[in-house]
Amino acid sequence: MISRLPFALPPRGSPARLPFLLLPVLAAAAVVQLAIPSHIDLPVGGTPARIGETAPATMPPVVVTPPVIASRDPFSPVANQPGAGATAPAPPPPDPLGGAIIAGVVQRGQLRLAVVQRANGAVRYLAIGGQLAGWRLDALTPFGPRLSRGRHRILTPAYGAHPSPPPISGAPGKPADDQ
């Protein structure tokens, strides 16, 4: 009588035949590795390396900061600090949009509108050609809105940023405003 295995071998052309034939080799390697004595002694955790000595007390590190650095606000520019060479901080430049911020653009079909957040938190939508604090919205570019006042004053702030003041009217080579 021929004894049969409880499972069938994969057919000769099957890609599952190689892993099936390697299974006895891997099992024999595991038995050999378990049979070889290997003993590793690990140190007991929390004991000092030298016997008879106590572990040193852990002290928090002491950081000495000069008073000039400690008294300065780390988030403000150095030029505005008293004693850093400037006699008095310069007043902030006037905001040309009166505290308003052009936060972004909304588009629905062919209509594109600028999303304007006013200084009081109110939100309004401004179409191209609309007015904001005396400035006319000329275009909505990928870099920011293009605003103009008169023929020669153009302002292009980044979306979400407070705009810097426009150039002074009557500068050399530029005619004065015509509002």
C-alpha atoms as a PDB file:
ATOM      1  CA  MET A   1       0.000   0.000   0.000  1.00  0.00           C
ATOM      2  CA  ILE A   2       1.310   3.434  -0.927  1.00  0.00           C
ATOM      3  CA  SER A   3       1.121   6.004   1.828  1.00  0.00           C
ATOM      4  CA  ARG A   4      -0.157   9.316   0.688  1.00  0.00           C
ATOM      5  CA  LEU A   5       0.624  12.707   2.129  1.00  0.00           C
ATOM      6  CA  PRO A   6      -2.303  14.621   3.594  1.00  0.00           C
ATOM      7  CA  PHE A   7      -1.650  17.326   1.014  1.00  0.00           C
ATOM      8  CA  ALA A   8      -0.925  17.369  -2.676  1.00  0.00           C
ATOM      9  CA  LEU A   9       2.238  18.775  -4.238  1.00  0.00           C
ATOM     10  CA  PRO A  10       1.830  21.717  -6.599  1.00  0.00           C
ATOM     11  CA  PRO A  11       2.073  20.784 -10.279  1.00  0.00           C
ATOM     12  CA  ARG A  12       5.495  20.904 -11.953  1.00  0.00           C
ATOM     13  CA  GLY A  13       5.062  24.229 -13.812  1.00  0.00           C
ATOM     14  CA  SER A  14       3.524  26.109 -10.861  1.00  0.00           C
ATOM     15  CA  PRO A  15       5.409  29.059  -9.302  1.00  0.00           C
ATOM     16  CA  ALA A  16       4.317  27.759  -5.852  1.00  0.00           C
ATOM     17  CA  ARG A  17       6.529  24.663  -6.202  1.00  0.00           C
ATOM     18  CA  LEU A  18       9.842  26.398  -5.264  1.00  0.00           C
ATOM     19  CA  PRO A  19       8.631  27.830  -1.910  1.00  0.00           C
ATOM     20  CA  PHE A  20       7.033  24.471  -1.155  1.00  0.00           C
ATOM     21  CA  LEU A  21      10.334  22.647  -1.779  1.00  0.00           C
ATOM     22  CA  LEU A  22      12.293  25.187   0.303  1.00  0.00           C
ATOM     23  CA  LEU A  23      10.040  24.654   3.315  1.00  0.00           C
ATOM     24  CA  PRO A  24      11.913  21.544   4.597  1.00  0.00           C
ATOM     25  CA  VAL A  25      15.254  23.338   4.186  1.00  0.00           C
ATOM     26  CA  LEU A  26      14.062  26.304   6.275  1.00  0.00           C
ATOM     27  CA  ALA A  27      12.610  23.982   8.933  1.00  0.00           C
ATOM     28  CA  ALA A  28      15.944  22.117   9.198  1.00  0.00           C
ATOM     29  CA  ALA A  29      17.830  25.443   9.538  1.00  0.00           C
ATOM     30  CA  ALA A  30      15.499  26.524  12.365  1.00  0.00           C
ATOM     31  CA  VAL A  31      16.085  23.231  14.227  1.00  0.00           C
ATOM     32  CA  VAL A  32      19.869  23.605  13.877  1.00  0.00           C
ATOM     33  CA  GLN A  33      19.776  27.192  15.161  1.00  0.00           C
ATOM     34  CA  LEU A  34      17.726  26.205  18.193  1.00  0.00           C
ATOM     35  CA  ALA A  35      20.034  23.249  18.913  1.00  0.00           C
ATOM     36  CA  ILE A  36      23.234  25.347  19.001  1.00  0.00           C
ATOM     37  CA  PRO A  37      23.767  26.692  22.517  1.00  0.00           C
ATOM     38  CA  SER A  38      24.027  30.453  22.582  1.00  0.00           C
ATOM     39  CA  HIS A  39      23.703  32.322  25.828  1.00  0.00           C
ATOM     40  CA  ILE A  40      23.848  36.110  26.031  1.00  0.00           C
ATOM     41  CA  ASP A  41      24.158  37.814  29.420  1.00  0.00           C
ATOM     42  CA  LEU A  42      22.574  41.232  29.489  1.00  0.00           C
ATOM     43  CA  PRO A  43      23.168  43.680  32.344  1.00  0.00           C
ATOM     44  CA  VAL A  44      20.344  44.240  34.761  1.00  0.00           C
ATOM     45  CA  GLY A  45      18.661  47.536  34.025  1.00  0.00           C
ATOM     46  CA  GLY A  46      19.085  50.431  36.437  1.00  0.00           C
ATOM     47  CA  THR A  47      22.280  49.311  38.170  1.00  0.00           C
ATOM     48  CA  PRO A  48      25.513  51.311  37.990  1.00  0.00           C
ATOM     49  CA  ALA A  49      28.252  49.955  35.749  1.00  0.00           C
ATOM     50  CA  ARG A  50      30.734  49.788  38.632  1.00  0.00           C
ATOM     51  CA  ILE A  51      29.746  47.830  41.655  1.00  0.00           C
ATOM     52  CA  GLY A  52      29.884  49.700  44.921  1.00  0.00           C
ATOM     53  CA  GLU A  53      29.323  53.170  43.440  1.00  0.00           C
ATOM     54  CA  THR A  54      26.068  55.027  43.516  1.00  0.00           C
ATOM     55  CA  ALA A  55      24.605  56.585  40.436  1.00  0.00           C
ATOM     56  CA  PRO A  56      25.261  60.338  40.141  1.00  0.00           C
ATOM     57  CA  ALA A  57      22.356  62.622  40.988  1.00  0.00           C
ATOM     58  CA  THR A  58      20.771  64.095  37.889  1.00  0.00           C
ATOM     59  CA  MET A  59      20.744  67.869  38.017  1.00  0.00           C
ATOM     60  CA  PRO A  60      18.837  69.969  35.537  1.00  0.00           C
ATOM     61  CA  PRO A  61      21.163  71.912  33.252  1.00  0.00           C
ATOM     62  CA  VAL A  62      21.682  75.547  34.142  1.00  0.00           C
ATOM     63  CA  VAL A  63      21.394  77.976  31.262  1.00  0.00           C
ATOM     64  CA  VAL A  64      22.910  81.401  31.768  1.00  0.00           C
ATOM     65  CA  THR A  65      21.364  84.028  29.516  1.00  0.00           C
ATOM     66  CA  PRO A  66      22.773  87.543  29.374  1.00  0.00           C
ATOM     67  CA  PRO A  67      20.264  90.144  30.606  1.00  0.00           C
ATOM     68  CA  VAL A  68      20.329  91.961  27.246  1.00  0.00           C
ATOM     69  CA  ILE A  69      19.064  88.860  25.468  1.00  0.00           C
ATOM     70  CA  ALA A  70      16.611  87.897  28.223  1.00  0.00           C
ATOM     71  CA  SER A  71      14.988  91.353  28.226  1.00  0.00           C
ATOM     72  CA  ARG A  72      14.418  91.361  24.449  1.00  0.00           C
ATOM     73  CA  ASP A  73      11.277  89.995  22.815  1.00  0.00           C
ATOM     74  CA  PRO A  74      12.508  87.117  20.617  1.00  0.00           C
ATOM     75  CA  PHE A  75       9.817  87.733  18.005  1.00  0.00           C
ATOM     76  CA  SER A  76      10.444  91.421  17.329  1.00  0.00           C
ATOM     77  CA  PRO A  77      13.123  92.791  15.019  1.00  0.00           C
ATOM     78  CA  VAL A  78      16.345  93.907  16.662  1.00  0.00           C
ATOM     79  CA  ALA A  79      16.277  97.348  15.006  1.00  0.00           C
ATOM     80  CA  ASN A  80      13.095  98.321  16.911  1.00  0.00           C
ATOM     81  CA  GLN A  81      14.578  97.522  20.329  1.00  0.00           C
ATOM     82  CA  PRO A  82      15.738 100.440  22.452  1.00  0.00           C
ATOM     83  CA  GLY A  83      19.499 100.580  22.805  1.00  0.00           C
ATOM     84  CA  ALA A  84      20.095  98.613  19.576  1.00  0.00           C
ATOM     85  CA  GLY A  85      21.218 101.678  17.668  1.00  0.00           C
ATOM     86  CA  ALA A  86      17.806 103.149  16.897  1.00  0.00           C
ATOM     87  CA  THR A  87      16.774 106.180  18.937  1.00  0.00           C
ATOM     88  CA  ALA A  88      13.049 105.500  18.661  1.00  0.00           C
ATOM     89  CA  PRO A  89      11.042 102.891  16.819  1.00  0.00           C
ATOM     90  CA  ALA A  90       9.717 104.112  13.510  1.00  0.00           C
ATOM     91  CA  PRO A  91       5.956 104.522  13.346  1.00  0.00           C
ATOM     92  CA  PRO A  92       4.254 101.828  11.296  1.00  0.00           C
ATOM     93  CA  PRO A  93       3.513 102.867   7.716  1.00  0.00           C
ATOM     94  CA  PRO A  94      -0.078 103.780   6.966  1.00  0.00           C
ATOM     95  CA  ASP A  95      -2.242 100.927   5.719  1.00  0.00           C
ATOM     96  CA  PRO A  96      -3.531 101.890   2.261  1.00  0.00           C
ATOM     97  CA  LEU A  97      -6.590  99.633   2.513  1.00  0.00           C
ATOM     98  CA  GLY A  98      -7.601 100.806   5.987  1.00  0.00           C
ATOM     99  CA  GLY A  99      -6.961  97.449   7.670  1.00  0.00           C
ATOM    100  CA  ALA A 100      -8.693  95.364   5.024  1.00  0.00           C
ATOM    101  CA  ILE A 101      -7.079  92.182   3.716  1.00  0.00           C
ATOM    102  CA  ILE A 102      -7.782  90.544   0.376  1.00  0.00           C
ATOM    103  CA  ALA A 103      -7.843  86.936   1.557  1.00  0.00           C
ATOM    104  CA  GLY A 104      -8.287  85.167  -1.756  1.00  0.00           C
ATOM    105  CA  VAL A 105     -10.394  84.613  -4.851  1.00  0.00           C
ATOM    106  CA  VAL A 106     -13.693  82.817  -5.399  1.00  0.00           C
ATOM    107  CA  GLN A 107     -14.670  81.745  -8.907  1.00  0.00           C
ATOM    108  CA  ARG A 108     -17.998  80.423 -10.115  1.00  0.00           C
ATOM    109  CA  GLY A 109     -18.133  79.895 -13.840  1.00  0.00           C
ATOM    110  CA  GLN A 110     -16.678  83.007 -15.486  1.00  0.00           C
ATOM    111  CA  LEU A 111     -17.287  85.269 -12.469  1.00  0.00           C
ATOM    112  CA  ARG A 112     -14.221  85.891 -10.279  1.00  0.00           C
ATOM    113  CA  LEU A 113     -14.581  87.746  -6.977  1.00  0.00           C
ATOM    114  CA  ALA A 114     -11.997  88.865  -4.448  1.00  0.00           C
ATOM    115  CA  VAL A 115     -12.744  87.861  -0.837  1.00  0.00           C
ATOM    116  CA  VAL A 116     -12.117  90.943   1.322  1.00  0.00           C
ATOM    117  CA  GLN A 117     -11.956  90.824   5.107  1.00  0.00           C
ATOM    118  CA  ARG A 118     -12.378  94.252   6.634  1.00  0.00           C
ATOM    119  CA  ALA A 119     -10.660  95.447   9.824  1.00  0.00           C
ATOM    120  CA  ASN A 120     -13.829  94.790  11.855  1.00  0.00           C
ATOM    121  CA  GLY A 121     -13.928  91.144  10.648  1.00  0.00           C
ATOM    122  CA  ALA A 122     -16.754  91.572   8.141  1.00  0.00           C
ATOM    123  CA  VAL A 123     -16.294  89.713   4.855  1.00  0.00           C
ATOM    124  CA  ARG A 124     -17.386  91.071   1.498  1.00  0.00           C
ATOM    125  CA  TYR A 125     -16.875  90.071  -2.111  1.00  0.00           C
ATOM    126  CA  LEU A 126     -15.415  92.510  -4.622  1.00  0.00           C
ATOM    127  CA  ALA A 127     -15.707  92.142  -8.394  1.00  0.00           C
ATOM    128  CA  ILE A 128     -13.113  93.452 -10.839  1.00  0.00           C
ATOM    129  CA  GLY A 129     -13.721  97.190 -11.208  1.00  0.00           C
ATOM    130  CA  GLY A 130     -15.030  97.519  -7.631  1.00  0.00           C
ATOM    131  CA  GLN A 131     -13.716 100.045  -5.098  1.00  0.00           C
ATOM    132  CA  LEU A 132     -12.009  99.342  -1.756  1.00  0.00           C
ATOM    133  CA  ALA A 133     -10.838 102.264   0.397  1.00  0.00           C
ATOM    134  CA  GLY A 134     -10.432 104.466  -2.678  1.00  0.00           C
ATOM    135  CA  TRP A 135      -8.536 101.786  -4.642  1.00  0.00           C
ATOM    136  CA  ARG A 136      -9.971 100.195  -7.785  1.00  0.00           C
ATOM    137  CA  LEU A 137      -9.590  96.431  -8.266  1.00  0.00           C
ATOM    138  CA  ASP A 138      -8.055  96.055 -11.731  1.00  0.00           C
ATOM    139  CA  ALA A 139      -7.182  92.352 -11.869  1.00  0.00           C
ATOM    140  CA  LEU A 140      -6.891  89.157  -9.842  1.00  0.00           C
ATOM    141  CA  THR A 141      -3.518  87.622 -10.674  1.00  0.00           C
ATOM    142  CA  PRO A 142      -2.033  84.397  -9.278  1.00  0.00           C
ATOM    143  CA  PHE A 143       0.360  86.492  -7.164  1.00  0.00           C
ATOM    144  CA  GLY A 144      -2.179  88.900  -5.711  1.00  0.00           C
ATOM    145  CA  PRO A 145      -4.813  91.462  -6.605  1.00  0.00           C
ATOM    146  CA  ARG A 146      -3.757  94.502  -8.660  1.00  0.00           C
ATOM    147  CA  LEU A 147      -5.234  97.704  -7.261  1.00  0.00           C
ATOM    148  CA  SER A 148      -4.873 101.174  -8.710  1.00  0.00           C
ATOM    149  CA  ARG A 149      -5.602 104.712  -7.620  1.00  0.00           C
ATOM    150  CA  GLY A 150      -5.389 107.252 -10.379  1.00  0.00           C
ATOM    151  CA  ARG A 151      -3.217 106.481 -13.360  1.00  0.00           C
ATOM    152  CA  HIS A 152       0.168 105.971 -11.742  1.00  0.00           C
ATOM    153  CA  ARG A 153      -0.356 104.425  -8.302  1.00  0.00           C
ATOM    154  CA  ILE A 154      -0.515 100.653  -8.465  1.00  0.00           C
ATOM    155  CA  LEU A 155      -0.584  98.307  -5.487  1.00  0.00           C
ATOM    156  CA  THR A 156      -0.167  94.500  -5.670  1.00  0.00           C
ATOM    157  CA  PRO A 157      -0.328  92.918  -2.189  1.00  0.00           C
ATOM    158  CA  ALA A 158      -0.107  89.168  -1.690  1.00  0.00           C
ATOM    159  CA  TYR A 159      -3.312  87.340  -0.861  1.00  0.00           C
ATOM    160  CA  GLY A 160      -3.852  87.307   2.892  1.00  0.00           C
ATOM    161  CA  ALA A 161      -1.222  89.979   3.636  1.00  0.00           C
ATOM    162  CA  HIS A 162      -1.486  93.601   4.676  1.00  0.00           C
ATOM    163  CA  PRO A 163      -0.346  95.713   1.739  1.00  0.00           C
ATOM    164  CA  SER A 164       2.666  97.955   2.038  1.00  0.00           C
ATOM    165  CA  PRO A 165       2.092 101.657   1.418  1.00  0.00           C
ATOM    166  CA  PRO A 166       2.207 102.756  -2.197  1.00  0.00           C
ATOM    167  CA  PRO A 167       5.055 104.915  -3.491  1.00  0.00           C
ATOM    168  CA  ILE A 168       4.932 108.577  -2.569  1.00  0.00           C
ATOM    169  CA  SER A 169       3.101 110.634  -5.137  1.00  0.00           C
ATOM    170  CA  GLY A 170       5.130 113.303  -6.861  1.00  0.00           C
ATOM    171  CA  ALA A 171       8.306 111.205  -6.752  1.00  0.00           C
ATOM    172  CA  PRO A 172      10.898 112.036  -9.389  1.00  0.00           C
ATOM    173  CA  GLY A 173       9.800 110.777 -12.772  1.00  0.00           C
ATOM    174  CA  LYS A 174       6.214 110.145 -11.617  1.00  0.00           C
ATOM    175  CA  PRO A 175       3.385 112.646 -11.921  1.00  0.00           C
ATOM    176  CA  ALA A 176       1.167 113.404  -8.957  1.00  0.00           C
ATOM    177  CA  ASP A 177      -2.102 111.540  -8.372  1.00  0.00           C
ATOM    178  CA  ASP A 178      -5.210 112.434 -10.223  1.00  0.00           C
ATOM    179  CA  GLN A 179      -8.018 111.247  -8.001  1.00  0.00           C
END
